[in-house]
């Protein structure tokens, strides 16, 4: 059965898409830790990020870097935090999280509740910077 991320990349489930190419897809996390929290996935469904072959993992990080650079231009913050949790969805993915301090990445922090318009505005601003 396809993961929810595979369905998002295929357009079967709506998302706030940031960017895509033939192999990778980036979109806003709908349960963000902070505004601009982006997920980067390979379109090929692989459960665990370290099961990706070396070239695919390297290429996914290069794709993620392009998104991180766009985030830095679109949203005011100190750094892009990178997180690999590898548990919550059985599909390899990278979290790109705008942070000002380490505690911005604590999983125990409450998730933001954003309106659709906010998600759309954030996604549009990031896309403009790519």
Protein backbone atom coordinates (compact mmCIF):
# COMPACT_ATOMS: atom_id res chain seq x y z
CA UNK A 1 0.00 0.00 0.00
CA UNK A 2 1.32 3.45 -0.91
CA UNK A 3 2.37 5.72 1.94
CA UNK A 4 0.60 9.02 2.54
CA UNK A 5 3.74 10.74 1.19
CA UNK A 6 3.60 8.72 -2.05
CA UNK A 7 -0.03 9.79 -2.44
CA UNK A 8 0.93 13.43 -1.84
CA UNK A 9 3.73 13.27 -4.43
CA UNK A 10 1.32 11.64 -6.92
CA UNK A 11 -1.23 14.42 -6.37
CA UNK A 12 -3.79 12.02 -4.89
CA UNK A 13 -3.79 13.97 -1.61
CA UNK A 14 -3.56 17.77 -1.69
CA UNK A 15 -0.48 19.47 -0.28
CA UNK A 16 1.19 22.85 -0.11
CA UNK A 17 3.83 22.02 -2.68
CA UNK A 18 7.11 23.89 -2.57
CA UNK A 19 9.04 22.18 -5.38
CA UNK A 20 9.52 18.94 -7.25
CA UNK A 21 11.66 17.35 -9.89
CA UNK A 22 11.66 13.87 -11.41
CA UNK A 23 12.87 12.25 -8.19
CA UNK A 24 12.02 14.46 -5.21
CA UNK A 25 9.11 16.43 -3.80
CA UNK A 26 9.00 19.15 -1.12
CA UNK A 27 5.89 20.38 0.67
CA UNK A 28 4.85 22.12 3.87
CA UNK A 29 4.27 19.94 6.91
CA UNK A 30 0.57 20.28 7.83
CA UNK A 31 1.49 19.88 11.52
CA UNK A 32 4.43 22.28 11.56
CA UNK A 33 6.76 22.89 14.44
CA UNK A 34 7.21 26.46 13.12
CA UNK A 35 6.08 28.44 10.07
CA UNK A 36 7.93 27.21 7.01
CA UNK A 37 8.46 23.63 8.24
CA UNK A 38 9.07 21.68 5.02
CA UNK A 39 9.27 17.95 4.28
CA UNK A 40 11.48 16.66 1.47
CA UNK A 41 10.79 13.16 0.16
CA UNK A 42 11.99 10.93 -2.64
CA UNK A 43 9.19 10.08 -5.05
CA UNK A 44 10.38 6.48 -4.93
CA UNK A 45 8.83 4.90 -1.88
CA UNK A 46 11.58 3.76 0.46
CA UNK A 47 10.70 3.23 4.11
CA UNK A 48 13.91 4.35 5.84
CA UNK A 49 16.15 7.20 4.78
CA UNK A 50 19.29 5.11 5.29
CA UNK A 51 17.91 2.43 2.97
CA UNK A 52 18.25 4.89 0.07
CA UNK A 53 21.20 4.16 -2.15
CA UNK A 54 24.11 6.57 -1.72
CA UNK A 55 23.44 8.55 -4.89
CA UNK A 56 19.75 8.98 -4.11
CA UNK A 57 20.49 10.10 -0.55
CA UNK A 58 23.12 12.57 -1.76
CA UNK A 59 20.81 13.92 -4.47
CA UNK A 60 17.97 14.27 -1.97
CA UNK A 61 20.22 16.38 0.28
CA UNK A 62 21.19 18.56 -2.68
CA UNK A 63 17.48 19.01 -3.51
CA UNK A 64 16.82 19.81 0.19
CA UNK A 65 19.62 22.39 0.13
CA UNK A 66 17.82 24.29 -2.66
CA UNK A 67 14.70 24.38 -0.52
CA UNK A 68 16.68 25.48 2.56
CA UNK A 69 18.25 28.36 0.61
CA UNK A 70 14.77 29.45 -0.54
CA UNK A 71 13.49 29.21 3.04
CA UNK A 72 16.29 31.49 4.22
CA UNK A 73 15.22 34.12 1.69
CA UNK A 74 11.49 33.77 2.37
CA UNK A 75 11.29 33.65 6.17
CA UNK A 76 13.24 35.46 8.89
CA UNK A 77 15.14 33.07 11.19
CA UNK A 78 18.70 32.13 12.16
CA UNK A 79 19.25 28.65 10.63
CA UNK A 80 17.51 25.76 8.93
CA UNK A 81 17.43 22.81 11.28
CA UNK A 82 17.52 19.39 9.65
CA UNK A 83 15.83 16.44 11.30
CA UNK A 84 15.61 12.77 10.36
CA UNK A 85 13.17 11.01 12.65
CA UNK A 86 12.42 7.99 10.48
CA UNK A 87 9.44 6.72 12.50
CA UNK A 88 6.27 8.68 11.95
CA UNK A 89 5.65 7.87 8.25
CA UNK A 90 7.11 4.78 6.53
CA UNK A 91 8.60 6.85 3.71
CA UNK A 92 12.09 8.38 3.80
CA UNK A 93 11.94 12.11 4.46
CA UNK A 94 13.90 15.10 5.68
CA UNK A 95 12.43 17.82 7.90
CA UNK A 96 13.69 21.34 7.14
CA UNK A 97 12.76 23.53 10.09
CA UNK A 98 13.42 27.27 10.35
CA UNK A 99 14.94 27.81 13.82
CA UNK A 100 16.35 30.54 15.99
CA UNK A 101 17.45 28.28 18.84
CA UNK A 102 17.89 24.53 19.40
CA UNK A 103 14.71 24.26 21.44
CA UNK A 104 12.70 25.22 18.33
CA UNK A 105 13.25 21.61 17.23
CA UNK A 106 12.00 19.88 20.36
CA UNK A 107 9.39 17.29 19.44
CA UNK A 108 7.56 18.08 22.66
CA UNK A 109 6.82 21.64 21.49
CA UNK A 110 3.18 22.22 20.56
CA UNK A 111 2.51 22.08 16.84
CA UNK A 112 1.22 25.20 15.10
CA UNK A 113 -2.36 25.39 13.90
CA UNK A 114 -2.37 27.41 10.70
CA UNK A 115 -5.23 28.38 8.43
CA UNK A 116 -5.23 27.32 4.78
CA UNK A 117 -4.50 30.88 3.68
CA UNK A 118 -1.40 31.00 5.90
CA UNK A 119 -0.10 27.74 4.43
CA UNK A 120 -0.75 29.03 0.91
CA UNK A 121 1.04 32.32 1.60
CA UNK A 122 4.06 30.62 3.16
CA UNK A 123 4.33 28.12 0.30
CA UNK A 124 4.02 30.88 -2.32
CA UNK A 125 6.73 32.96 -0.64
CA UNK A 126 9.15 30.02 -0.52
CA UNK A 127 8.40 29.05 -4.15
CA UNK A 128 9.18 32.62 -5.27
CA UNK A 129 12.70 32.20 -3.89
CA UNK A 130 13.56 29.00 -5.75
